Amino acid sequence: MAAEPAADPFAALGDQNRRAILQLLAERERQVSDIANQLPISRPAVSRHLRVLRDAGLVVDRAEGTKRIYSVDDRGVEAMRTYMQEIWGAATARFRLAAENVSDSDADER
């Protein structure tokens, strides 16, 4: 069983730079310098954002020589997707129930 992330992944995605980094990593794995070249922020800032994303379970890194290569952590993204599906499913069920009740009430009034 995977360990729980140290930080809230939804809070981590509250920053537009972290969302942009995650989007870049969804395309392919990258080094910090590659990410920094794509965004209007410095390499140290990218490194700080990557640390937040890693602590939230959304990215992983590996050593390749003296470089760190970052990629999306599919387990973290899948956990967020599952959570959102559960929430969306419950909201959809409540909406359906409310819509059916309104429709039944409207039919009774006719």
PDB file of N, CA and C in Angstrom:
ATOM      1  N   MET A   1       0.848  -1.179   0.000  1.00  0.00           N
ATOM      2  CA  MET A   1       0.000   0.000   0.000  1.00  0.00           C
ATOM      3  C   MET A   1       0.893   1.242   0.000  1.00  0.00           C
ATOM      4  N   ALA A   2       0.577   2.206  -0.858  1.00  0.00           N
ATOM      5  CA  ALA A   2       1.382   3.420  -0.987  1.00  0.00           C
ATOM      6  C   ALA A   2       1.172   4.319   0.227  1.00  0.00           C
ATOM      7  N   ALA A   3       2.232   5.015   0.585  1.00  0.00           N
ATOM      8  CA  ALA A   3       2.147   5.953   1.702  1.00  0.00           C
ATOM      9  C   ALA A   3       1.319   7.163   1.305  1.00  0.00           C
ATOM     10  N   GLU A   4       0.655   7.734   2.291  1.00  0.00           N
ATOM     11  CA  GLU A   4      -0.114   8.949   2.054  1.00  0.00           C
ATOM     12  C   GLU A   4       0.846  10.100   1.756  1.00  0.00           C
ATOM     13  N   PRO A   5       0.447  11.009   0.859  1.00  0.00           N
ATOM     14  CA  PRO A   5       1.316  12.162   0.599  1.00  0.00           C
ATOM     15  C   PRO A   5       1.460  13.027   1.845  1.00  0.00           C
ATOM     16  N   ALA A   6       2.608  13.682   1.945  1.00  0.00           N
ATOM     17  CA  ALA A   6       2.883  14.540   3.092  1.00  0.00           C
ATOM     18  C   ALA A   6       2.079  15.835   3.043  1.00  0.00           C
ATOM     19  N   ALA A   7       1.632  16.210   1.855  1.00  0.00           N
ATOM     20  CA  ALA A   7       0.899  17.460   1.676  1.00  0.00           C
ATOM     21  C   ALA A   7      -0.355  17.203   0.851  1.00  0.00           C
ATOM     22  N   ASP A   8      -1.297  18.117   0.931  1.00  0.00           N
ATOM     23  CA  ASP A   8      -2.567  18.014   0.211  1.00  0.00           C
ATOM     24  C   ASP A   8      -2.356  18.294  -1.281  1.00  0.00           C
ATOM     25  N   PRO A   9      -2.648  17.333  -2.155  1.00  0.00           N
ATOM     26  CA  PRO A   9      -2.445  17.561  -3.589  1.00  0.00           C
ATOM     27  C   PRO A   9      -3.324  18.683  -4.143  1.00  0.00           C
ATOM     28  N   PHE A  10      -4.504  18.867  -3.594  1.00  0.00           N
ATOM     29  CA  PHE A  10      -5.366  19.947  -4.078  1.00  0.00           C
ATOM     30  C   PHE A  10      -4.791  21.313  -3.708  1.00  0.00           C
ATOM     31  N   ALA A  11      -4.225  21.410  -2.522  1.00  0.00           N
ATOM     32  CA  ALA A  11      -3.570  22.663  -2.125  1.00  0.00           C
ATOM     33  C   ALA A  11      -2.353  22.918  -3.002  1.00  0.00           C
ATOM     34  N   ALA A  12      -1.615  21.862  -3.320  1.00  0.00           N
ATOM     35  CA  ALA A  12      -0.436  22.011  -4.179  1.00  0.00           C
ATOM     36  C   ALA A  12      -0.813  22.561  -5.542  1.00  0.00           C
ATOM     37  N   LEU A  13      -1.975  22.200  -6.032  1.00  0.00           N
ATOM     38  CA  LEU A  13      -2.406  22.662  -7.355  1.00  0.00           C
ATOM     39  C   LEU A  13      -3.073  24.030  -7.313  1.00  0.00           C
ATOM     40  N   GLY A  14      -3.097  24.649  -6.149  1.00  0.00           N
ATOM     41  CA  GLY A  14      -3.666  25.988  -6.018  1.00  0.00           C
ATOM     42  C   GLY A  14      -2.800  27.068  -6.649  1.00  0.00           C
ATOM     43  N   ASP A  15      -1.571  26.735  -6.989  1.00  0.00           N
ATOM     44  CA  ASP A  15      -0.651  27.688  -7.587  1.00  0.00           C
ATOM     45  C   ASP A  15      -0.575  27.453  -9.095  1.00  0.00           C
ATOM     46  N   GLN A  16      -0.712  28.516  -9.878  1.00  0.00           N
ATOM     47  CA  GLN A  16      -0.729  28.367 -11.338  1.00  0.00           C
ATOM     48  C   GLN A  16       0.596  27.855 -11.888  1.00  0.00           C
ATOM     49  N   ASN A  17       1.719  28.188 -11.254  1.00  0.00           N
ATOM     50  CA  ASN A  17       3.007  27.675 -11.722  1.00  0.00           C
ATOM     51  C   ASN A  17       3.112  26.171 -11.520  1.00  0.00           C
ATOM     52  N   ARG A  18       2.579  25.678 -10.405  1.00  0.00           N
ATOM     53  CA  ARG A  18       2.610  24.231 -10.173  1.00  0.00           C
ATOM     54  C   ARG A  18       1.690  23.509 -11.141  1.00  0.00           C
ATOM     55  N   ARG A  19       0.552  24.119 -11.464  1.00  0.00           N
ATOM     56  CA  ARG A  19      -0.318  23.500 -12.469  1.00  0.00           C
ATOM     57  C   ARG A  19       0.383  23.459 -13.822  1.00  0.00           C
ATOM     58  N   ALA A  20       1.093  24.528 -14.169  1.00  0.00           N
ATOM     59  CA  ALA A  20       1.828  24.574 -15.445  1.00  0.00           C
ATOM     60  C   ALA A  20       2.937  23.526 -15.464  1.00  0.00           C
ATOM     61  N   ILE A  21       3.627  23.369 -14.343  1.00  0.00           N
ATOM     62  CA  ILE A  21       4.677  22.353 -14.260  1.00  0.00           C
ATOM     63  C   ILE A  21       4.083  20.965 -14.436  1.00  0.00           C
ATOM     64  N   LEU A  22       2.988  20.697 -13.768  1.00  0.00           N
ATOM     65  CA  LEU A  22       2.350  19.381 -13.893  1.00  0.00           C
ATOM     66  C   LEU A  22       1.912  19.130 -15.333  1.00  0.00           C
ATOM     67  N   GLN A  23       1.403  20.163 -15.984  1.00  0.00           N
ATOM     68  CA  GLN A  23       0.991  20.023 -17.378  1.00  0.00           C
ATOM     69  C   GLN A  23       2.196  19.695 -18.266  1.00  0.00           C
ATOM     70  N   LEU A  24       3.312  20.361 -18.039  1.00  0.00           N
ATOM     71  CA  LEU A  24       4.529  20.060 -18.810  1.00  0.00           C
ATOM     72  C   LEU A  24       4.982  18.619 -18.565  1.00  0.00           C
ATOM     73  N   LEU A  25       4.922  18.191 -17.318  1.00  0.00           N
ATOM     74  CA  LEU A  25       5.343  16.835 -16.995  1.00  0.00           C
ATOM     75  C   LEU A  25       4.374  15.784 -17.528  1.00  0.00           C
ATOM     76  N   ALA A  26       3.125  16.167 -17.736  1.00  0.00           N
ATOM     77  CA  ALA A  26       2.164  15.236 -18.319  1.00  0.00           C
ATOM     78  C   ALA A  26       2.533  14.923 -19.771  1.00  0.00           C
ATOM     79  N   GLU A  27       3.197  15.869 -20.424  1.00  0.00           N
ATOM     80  CA  GLU A  27       3.639  15.662 -21.811  1.00  0.00           C
ATOM     81  C   GLU A  27       4.801  14.685 -21.873  1.00  0.00           C
ATOM     82  N   ARG A  28       5.773  14.866 -20.973  1.00  0.00           N
ATOM     83  CA  ARG A  28       6.950  13.989 -20.915  1.00  0.00           C
ATOM     84  C   ARG A  28       7.758  14.332 -19.675  1.00  0.00           C
ATOM     85  N   GLU A  29       8.646  13.413 -19.278  1.00  0.00           N
ATOM     86  CA  GLU A  29       9.509  13.701 -18.134  1.00  0.00           C
ATOM     87  C   GLU A  29      10.519  14.772 -18.512  1.00  0.00           C
ATOM     88  N   ARG A  30      10.951  15.536 -17.499  1.00  0.00           N
ATOM     89  CA  ARG A  30      11.811  16.688 -17.769  1.00  0.00           C
ATOM     90  C   ARG A  30      12.772  16.943 -16.616  1.00  0.00           C
ATOM     91  N   GLN A  31      13.842  17.662 -16.931  1.00  0.00           N
ATOM     92  CA  GLN A  31      14.785  18.172 -15.943  1.00  0.00           C
ATOM     93  C   GLN A  31      14.297  19.549 -15.478  1.00  0.00           C
ATOM     94  N   VAL A  32      14.817  19.994 -14.355  1.00  0.00           N
ATOM     95  CA  VAL A  32      14.452  21.309 -13.826  1.00  0.00           C
ATOM     96  C   VAL A  32      14.746  22.400 -14.855  1.00  0.00           C
ATOM     97  N   SER A  33      15.910  22.341 -15.484  1.00  0.00           N
ATOM     98  CA  SER A  33      16.278  23.384 -16.454  1.00  0.00           C
ATOM     99  C   SER A  33      15.315  23.421 -17.632  1.00  0.00           C
ATOM    100  N   ASP A  34      14.849  22.276 -18.069  1.00  0.00           N
ATOM    101  CA  ASP A  34      13.883  22.221 -19.170  1.00  0.00           C
ATOM    102  C   ASP A  34      12.570  22.878 -18.760  1.00  0.00           C
ATOM    103  N   ILE A  35      12.128  22.608 -17.556  1.00  0.00           N
ATOM    104  CA  ILE A  35      10.888  23.213 -17.053  1.00  0.00           C
ATOM    105  C   ILE A  35      11.063  24.728 -16.941  1.00  0.00           C
ATOM    106  N   ALA A  36      12.191  25.149 -16.361  1.00  0.00           N
ATOM    107  CA  ALA A  36      12.442  26.582 -16.176  1.00  0.00           C
ATOM    108  C   ALA A  36      12.492  27.309 -17.515  1.00  0.00           C
ATOM    109  N   ASN A  37      12.991  26.651 -18.542  1.00  0.00           N
ATOM    110  CA  ASN A  37      13.042  27.277 -19.871  1.00  0.00           C
ATOM    111  C   ASN A  37      11.654  27.467 -20.478  1.00  0.00           C
ATOM    112  N   GLN A  38      10.685  26.724 -19.999  1.00  0.00           N
ATOM    113  CA  GLN A  38       9.323  26.797 -20.520  1.00  0.00           C
ATOM    114  C   GLN A  38       8.437  27.784 -19.758  1.00  0.00           C
ATOM    115  N   LEU A  39       8.904  28.209 -18.597  1.00  0.00           N
ATOM    116  CA  LEU A  39       8.077  29.057 -17.727  1.00  0.00           C
ATOM    117  C   LEU A  39       8.805  30.353 -17.375  1.00  0.00           C
ATOM    118  N   PRO A  40       8.050  31.365 -16.996  1.00  0.00           N
ATOM    119  CA  PRO A  40       8.667  32.654 -16.637  1.00  0.00           C
ATOM    120  C   PRO A  40       9.120  32.717 -15.173  1.00  0.00           C
ATOM    121  N   ILE A  41       9.655  31.602 -14.669  1.00  0.00           N
ATOM    122  CA  ILE A  41      10.158  31.568 -13.297  1.00  0.00           C
ATOM    123  C   ILE A  41      11.563  30.975 -13.292  1.00  0.00           C
ATOM    124  N   SER A  42      12.303  31.242 -12.226  1.00  0.00           N
ATOM    125  CA  SER A  42      13.697  30.810 -12.141  1.00  0.00           C
ATOM    126  C   SER A  42      13.813  29.313 -11.836  1.00  0.00           C
ATOM    127  N   ARG A  43      15.000  28.778 -12.058  1.00  0.00           N
ATOM    128  CA  ARG A  43      15.256  27.376 -11.733  1.00  0.00           C
ATOM    129  C   ARG A  43      15.052  27.096 -10.246  1.00  0.00           C
ATOM    130  N   PRO A  44      15.550  27.960  -9.342  1.00  0.00           N
ATOM    131  CA  PRO A  44      15.284  27.698  -7.921  1.00  0.00           C
ATOM    132  C   PRO A  44      13.782  27.677  -7.597  1.00  0.00           C
ATOM    133  N   ALA A  45      13.020  28.550  -8.251  1.00  0.00           N
ATOM    134  CA  ALA A  45      11.566  28.558  -8.034  1.00  0.00           C
ATOM    135  C   ALA A  45      10.947  27.261  -8.542  1.00  0.00           C
ATOM    136  N   VAL A  46      11.396  26.801  -9.705  1.00  0.00           N
ATOM    137  CA  VAL A  46      10.899  25.521 -10.245  1.00  0.00           C
ATOM    138  C   VAL A  46      11.209  24.404  -9.258  1.00  0.00           C
ATOM    139  N   SER A  47      12.415  24.390  -8.725  1.00  0.00           N
ATOM    140  CA  SER A  47      12.790  23.353  -7.759  1.00  0.00           C
ATOM    141  C   SER A  47      11.894  23.378  -6.527  1.00  0.00           C
ATOM    142  N   ARG A  48      11.577  24.570  -6.037  1.00  0.00           N
ATOM    143  CA  ARG A  48      10.683  24.680  -4.872  1.00  0.00           C
ATOM    144  C   ARG A  48       9.287  24.154  -5.220  1.00  0.00           C
ATOM    145  N   HIS A  49       8.779  24.521  -6.392  1.00  0.00           N
ATOM    146  CA  HIS A  49       7.459  24.039  -6.808  1.00  0.00           C
ATOM    147  C   HIS A  49       7.457  22.520  -6.979  1.00  0.00           C
ATOM    148  N   LEU A  50       8.522  21.983  -7.538  1.00  0.00           N
ATOM    149  CA  LEU A  50       8.614  20.533  -7.712  1.00  0.00           C
ATOM    150  C   LEU A  50       8.623  19.818  -6.362  1.00  0.00           C
ATOM    151  N   ARG A  51       9.276  20.405  -5.374  1.00  0.00           N
ATOM    152  CA  ARG A  51       9.299  19.813  -4.034  1.00  0.00           C
ATOM    153  C   ARG A  51       7.885  19.754  -3.456  1.00  0.00           C
ATOM    154  N   VAL A  52       7.111  20.823  -3.654  1.00  0.00           N
ATOM    155  CA  VAL A  52       5.722  20.843  -3.169  1.00  0.00           C
ATOM    156  C   VAL A  52       4.905  19.771  -3.889  1.00  0.00           C
ATOM    157  N   LEU A  53       5.070  19.677  -5.203  1.00  0.00           N
ATOM    158  CA  LEU A  53       4.339  18.675  -5.979  1.00  0.00           C
ATOM    159  C   LEU A  53       4.748  17.254  -5.577  1.00  0.00           C
ATOM    160  N   ARG A  54       6.021  17.054  -5.309  1.00  0.00           N
ATOM    161  CA  ARG A  54       6.500  15.732  -4.878  1.00  0.00           C
ATOM    162  C   ARG A  54       5.936  15.394  -3.502  1.00  0.00           C
ATOM    163  N   ASP A  55       5.970  16.357  -2.569  1.00  0.00           N
ATOM    164  CA  ASP A  55       5.422  16.121  -1.232  1.00  0.00           C
ATOM    165  C   ASP A  55       3.926  15.821  -1.268  1.00  0.00           C
ATOM    166  N   ALA A  56       3.255  16.344  -2.290  1.00  0.00           N
ATOM    167  CA  ALA A  56       1.816  16.109  -2.452  1.00  0.00           C
ATOM    168  C   ALA A  56       1.528  14.806  -3.205  1.00  0.00           C
ATOM    169  N   GLY A  57       2.579  14.105  -3.606  1.00  0.00           N
ATOM    170  CA  GLY A  57       2.394  12.824  -4.286  1.00  0.00           C
ATOM    171  C   GLY A  57       2.047  12.940  -5.754  1.00  0.00           C
ATOM    172  N   LEU A  58       2.302  14.098  -6.359  1.00  0.00           N
ATOM    173  CA  LEU A  58       1.919  14.302  -7.760  1.00  0.00           C
ATOM    174  C   LEU A  58       3.060  14.128  -8.748  1.00  0.00           C
ATOM    175  N   VAL A  59       4.290  14.244  -8.284  1.00  0.00           N
ATOM    176  CA  VAL A  59       5.448  14.004  -9.154  1.00  0.00           C
ATOM    177  C   VAL A  59       6.451  13.117  -8.429  1.00  0.00           C
ATOM    178  N   VAL A  60       7.254  12.438  -9.226  1.00  0.00           N
ATOM    179  CA  VAL A  60       8.364  11.636  -8.720  1.00  0.00           C
ATOM    180  C   VAL A  60       9.620  12.084  -9.451  1.00  0.00           C
ATOM    181  N   ASP A  61      10.742  11.784  -8.850  1.00  0.00           N
ATOM    182  CA  ASP A  61      12.007  12.122  -9.499  1.00  0.00           C
ATOM    183  C   ASP A  61      12.956  10.944  -9.390  1.00  0.00           C
ATOM    184  N   ARG A  62      13.938  10.945 -10.288  1.00  0.00           N
ATOM    185  CA  ARG A  62      14.964   9.918 -10.252  1.00  0.00           C
ATOM    186  C   ARG A  62      16.282  10.551 -10.675  1.00  0.00           C
ATOM    187  N   ALA A  63      17.355   9.989 -10.187  1.00  0.00           N
ATOM    188  CA  ALA A  63      18.672  10.476 -10.553  1.00  0.00           C
ATOM    189  C   ALA A  63      19.078   9.862 -11.886  1.00  0.00           C
ATOM    190  N   GLU A  64      19.653  10.709 -12.714  1.00  0.00           N
ATOM    191  CA  GLU A  64      20.244  10.248 -13.969  1.00  0.00           C
ATOM    192  C   GLU A  64      21.584  10.961 -14.079  1.00  0.00           C
ATOM    193  N   GLY A  65      22.614  10.307 -13.603  1.00  0.00           N
ATOM    194  CA  GLY A  65      23.910  10.978 -13.484  1.00  0.00           C
ATOM    195  C   GLY A  65      23.815  12.044 -12.415  1.00  0.00           C
ATOM    196  N   THR A  66      24.170  13.269 -12.758  1.00  0.00           N
ATOM    197  CA  THR A  66      24.096  14.380 -11.808  1.00  0.00           C
ATOM    198  C   THR A  66      22.783  15.140 -11.913  1.00  0.00           C
ATOM    199  N   LYS A  67      21.902  14.700 -12.790  1.00  0.00           N
ATOM    200  CA  LYS A  67      20.633  15.407 -13.009  1.00  0.00           C
ATOM    201  C   LYS A  67      19.482  14.671 -12.347  1.00  0.00           C
ATOM    202  N   ARG A  68      18.439  15.420 -12.040  1.00  0.00           N
ATOM    203  CA  ARG A  68      17.196  14.850 -11.535  1.00  0.00           C
ATOM    204  C   ARG A  68      16.181  14.943 -12.655  1.00  0.00           C
ATOM    205  N   ILE A  69      15.501  13.854 -12.906  1.00  0.00           N
ATOM    206  CA  ILE A  69      14.477  13.799 -13.940  1.00  0.00           C
ATOM    207  C   ILE A  69      13.129  13.662 -13.225  1.00  0.00           C
ATOM    208  N   TYR A  70      12.210  14.546 -13.557  1.00  0.00           N
ATOM    209  CA  TYR A  70      10.889  14.566 -12.921  1.00  0.00           C
ATOM    210  C   TYR A  70       9.821  14.070 -13.878  1.00  0.00           C
ATOM    211  N   SER A  71       8.836  13.388 -13.318  1.00  0.00           N
ATOM    212  CA  SER A  71       7.695  12.922 -14.105  1.00  0.00           C
ATOM    213  C   SER A  71       6.459  12.902 -13.209  1.00  0.00           C
ATOM    214  N   VAL A  72       5.316  12.791 -13.839  1.00  0.00           N
ATOM    215  CA  VAL A  72       4.047  12.724 -13.100  1.00  0.00           C
ATOM    216  C   VAL A  72       3.992  11.395 -12.352  1.00  0.00           C
ATOM    217  N   ASP A  73       3.552  11.447 -11.117  1.00  0.00           N
ATOM    218  CA  ASP A  73       3.329  10.230 -10.338  1.00  0.00           C
ATOM    219  C   ASP A  73       1.900   9.780 -10.606  1.00  0.00           C
ATOM    220  N   ASP A  74       1.768   8.764 -11.419  1.00  0.00           N
ATOM    221  CA  ASP A  74       0.439   8.298 -11.813  1.00  0.00           C
ATOM    222  C   ASP A  74      -0.426   7.892 -10.627  1.00  0.00           C
ATOM    223  N   ARG A  75       0.207   7.395  -9.575  1.00  0.00           N
ATOM    224  CA  ARG A  75      -0.572   6.979  -8.393  1.00  0.00           C
ATOM    225  C   ARG A  75      -1.253   8.171  -7.739  1.00  0.00           C
ATOM    226  N   GLY A  76      -0.534   9.304  -7.628  1.00  0.00           N
ATOM    227  CA  GLY A  76      -1.111  10.495  -7.017  1.00  0.00           C
ATOM    228  C   GLY A  76      -2.220  11.094  -7.857  1.00  0.00           C
ATOM    229  N   VAL A  77      -1.998  11.138  -9.158  1.00  0.00           N
ATOM    230  CA  VAL A  77      -3.009  11.686 -10.062  1.00  0.00           C
ATOM    231  C   VAL A  77      -4.243  10.781 -10.063  1.00  0.00           C
ATOM    232  N   GLU A  78      -4.027   9.480 -10.049  1.00  0.00           N
ATOM    233  CA  GLU A  78      -5.152   8.538 -10.018  1.00  0.00           C
ATOM    234  C   GLU A  78      -5.950   8.678  -8.728  1.00  0.00           C
ATOM    235  N   ALA A  79      -5.272   8.892  -7.618  1.00  0.00           N
ATOM    236  CA  ALA A  79      -5.971   9.076  -6.340  1.00  0.00           C
ATOM    237  C   ALA A  79      -6.844  10.328  -6.385  1.00  0.00           C
ATOM    238  N   MET A  80      -6.345  11.399  -6.993  1.00  0.00           N
ATOM    239  CA  MET A  80      -7.140  12.621  -7.119  1.00  0.00           C
ATOM    240  C   MET A  80      -8.338  12.385  -8.041  1.00  0.00           C
ATOM    241  N   ARG A  81      -8.110  11.682  -9.136  1.00  0.00           N
ATOM    242  CA  ARG A  81      -9.198  11.408 -10.072  1.00  0.00           C
ATOM    243  C   ARG A  81     -10.285  10.575  -9.397  1.00  0.00           C
ATOM    244  N   THR A  82      -9.886   9.565  -8.653  1.00  0.00           N
ATOM    245  CA  THR A  82     -10.844   8.712  -7.943  1.00  0.00           C
ATOM    246  C   THR A  82     -11.661   9.532  -6.947  1.00  0.00           C
ATOM    247  N   TYR A  83     -10.980  10.387  -6.203  1.00  0.00           N
ATOM    248  CA  TYR A  83     -11.664  11.248  -5.233  1.00  0.00           C
ATOM    249  C   TYR A  83     -12.692  12.135  -5.937  1.00  0.00           C
ATOM    250  N   MET A  84     -12.281  12.764  -7.043  1.00  0.00           N
ATOM    251  CA  MET A  84     -13.191  13.645  -7.776  1.00  0.00           C
ATOM    252  C   MET A  84     -14.369  12.873  -8.362  1.00  0.00           C
ATOM    253  N   GLN A  85     -14.127  11.660  -8.823  1.00  0.00           N
ATOM    254  CA  GLN A  85     -15.228  10.838  -9.342  1.00  0.00           C
ATOM    255  C   GLN A  85     -16.239  10.531  -8.244  1.00  0.00           C
ATOM    256  N   GLU A  86     -15.729  10.225  -7.057  1.00  0.00           N
ATOM    257  CA  GLU A  86     -16.637   9.938  -5.944  1.00  0.00           C
ATOM    258  C   GLU A  86     -17.476  11.159  -5.606  1.00  0.00           C
ATOM    259  N   ILE A  87     -16.834  12.309  -5.524  1.00  0.00           N
ATOM    260  CA  ILE A  87     -17.549  13.545  -5.216  1.00  0.00           C
ATOM    261  C   ILE A  87     -18.543  13.862  -6.327  1.00  0.00           C
ATOM    262  N   TRP A  88     -18.089  13.777  -7.572  1.00  0.00           N
ATOM    263  CA  TRP A  88     -18.946  14.078  -8.711  1.00  0.00           C
ATOM    264  C   TRP A  88     -20.131  13.113  -8.765  1.00  0.00           C
ATOM    265  N   GLY A  89     -19.859  11.833  -8.484  1.00  0.00           N
ATOM    266  CA  GLY A  89     -20.940  10.841  -8.503  1.00  0.00           C
ATOM    267  C   GLY A  89     -22.005  11.150  -7.459  1.00  0.00           C
ATOM    268  N   ALA A  90     -21.584  11.531  -6.264  1.00  0.00           N
ATOM    269  CA  ALA A  90     -22.533  11.871  -5.205  1.00  0.00           C
ATOM    270  C   ALA A  90     -23.318  13.128  -5.569  1.00  0.00           C
ATOM    271  N   ALA A  91     -22.637  14.124  -6.132  1.00  0.00           N
ATOM    272  CA  ALA A  91     -23.318  15.362  -6.530  1.00  0.00           C
ATOM    273  C   ALA A  91     -24.309  15.087  -7.655  1.00  0.00           C
ATOM    274  N   THR A  92     -23.922  14.249  -8.596  1.00  0.00           N
ATOM    275  CA  THR A  92     -24.805  13.911  -9.711  1.00  0.00           C
ATOM    276  C   THR A  92     -26.052  13.181  -9.213  1.00  0.00           C
ATOM    277  N   ALA A  93     -25.857  12.274  -8.261  1.00  0.00           N
ATOM    278  CA  ALA A  93     -27.007  11.542  -7.709  1.00  0.00           C
ATOM    279  C   ALA A  93     -27.968  12.501  -7.009  1.00  0.00           C
ATOM    280  N   ARG A  94     -27.434  13.461  -6.236  1.00  0.00           N
ATOM    281  CA  ARG A  94     -28.307  14.438  -5.565  1.00  0.00           C
ATOM    282  C   ARG A  94     -29.036  15.309  -6.585  1.00  0.00           C
ATOM    283  N   PHE A  95     -28.334  15.718  -7.637  1.00  0.00           N
ATOM    284  CA  PHE A  95     -28.954  16.534  -8.671  1.00  0.00           C
ATOM    285  C   PHE A  95     -30.072  15.750  -9.360  1.00  0.00           C
ATOM    286  N   ARG A  96     -29.804  14.487  -9.686  1.00  0.00           N
ATOM    287  CA  ARG A  96     -30.815  13.652 -10.342  1.00  0.00           C
ATOM    288  C   ARG A  96     -32.051  13.523  -9.454  1.00  0.00           C
ATOM    289  N   LEU A  97     -31.832  13.285  -8.162  1.00  0.00           N
ATOM    290  CA  LEU A  97     -32.951  13.151  -7.226  1.00  0.00           C
ATOM    291  C   LEU A  97     -33.748  14.450  -7.160  1.00  0.00           C
ATOM    292  N   ALA A  98     -33.054  15.577  -7.070  1.00  0.00           N
ATOM    293  CA  ALA A  98     -33.741  16.873  -7.029  1.00  0.00           C
ATOM    294  C   ALA A  98     -34.496  17.128  -8.326  1.00  0.00           C
ATOM    295  N   ALA A  99     -33.911  16.796  -9.459  1.00  0.00           N
ATOM    296  CA  ALA A  99     -34.569  17.015 -10.746  1.00  0.00           C
ATOM    297  C   ALA A  99     -35.802  16.137 -10.883  1.00  0.00           C
ATOM    298  N   GLU A 100     -35.698  14.900 -10.422  1.00  0.00           N
ATOM    299  CA  GLU A 100     -36.850  13.996 -10.497  1.00  0.00           C
ATOM    300  C   GLU A 100     -37.970  14.477  -9.587  1.00  0.00           C
ATOM    301  N   ASN A 101     -37.621  14.991  -8.415  1.00  0.00           N
ATOM    302  CA  ASN A 101     -38.635  15.501  -7.494  1.00  0.00           C
ATOM    303  C   ASN A 101     -39.324  16.729  -8.064  1.00  0.00           C
ATOM    304  N   VAL A 102     -38.597  17.603  -8.724  1.00  0.00           N
ATOM    305  CA  VAL A 102     -39.183  18.783  -9.342  1.00  0.00           C
ATOM    306  C   VAL A 102     -40.076  18.357 -10.493  1.00  0.00           C
ATOM    307  N   SER A 103     -39.612  17.409 -11.284  1.00  0.00           N
ATOM    308  CA  SER A 103     -40.413  16.933 -12.408  1.00  0.00           C
ATOM    309  C   SER A 103     -41.701  16.295 -11.925  1.00  0.00           C
ATOM    310  N   ASP A 104     -41.640  15.490 -10.852  1.00  0.00           N
ATOM    311  CA  ASP A 104     -42.842  14.867 -10.307  1.00  0.00           C
ATOM    312  C   ASP A 104     -43.797  15.910  -9.756  1.00  0.00           C
ATOM    313  N   SER A 105     -43.266  16.942  -9.100  1.00  0.00           N
ATOM    314  CA  SER A 105     -44.105  18.007  -8.556  1.00  0.00           C
ATOM    315  C   SER A 105     -44.785  18.770  -9.672  1.00  0.00           C
ATOM    316  N   ASP A 106     -44.033  19.071 -10.750  1.00  0.00           N
ATOM    317  CA  ASP A 106     -44.601  19.779 -11.886  1.00  0.00           C
ATOM    318  C   ASP A 106     -45.717  18.970 -12.528  1.00  0.00           C
ATOM    319  N   ALA A 107     -45.526  17.672 -12.622  1.00  0.00           N
ATOM    320  CA  ALA A 107     -46.547  16.802 -13.233  1.00  0.00           C
ATOM    321  C   ALA A 107     -47.799  16.754 -12.364  1.00  0.00           C
ATOM    322  N   ASP A 108     -47.626  16.750 -11.043  1.00  0.00           N
ATOM    323  CA  ASP A 108     -48.761  16.708 -10.130  1.00  0.00           C
ATOM    324  C   ASP A 108     -49.590  17.975 -10.216  1.00  0.00           C
ATOM    325  N   GLU A 109     -48.952  19.105 -10.521  1.00  0.00           N
ATOM    326  CA  GLU A 109     -49.655  20.387 -10.570  1.00  0.00           C
ATOM    327  C   GLU A 109     -50.492  20.510 -11.839  1.00  0.00           C
ATOM    328  N   ARG A 110     -50.194  19.702 -12.835  1.00  0.00           N
ATOM    329  CA  ARG A 110     -50.929  19.818 -14.116  1.00  0.00           C
ATOM    330  C   ARG A 110     -52.233  19.123 -14.090  1.00  0.00           C
TER     331      ARG A 110
END
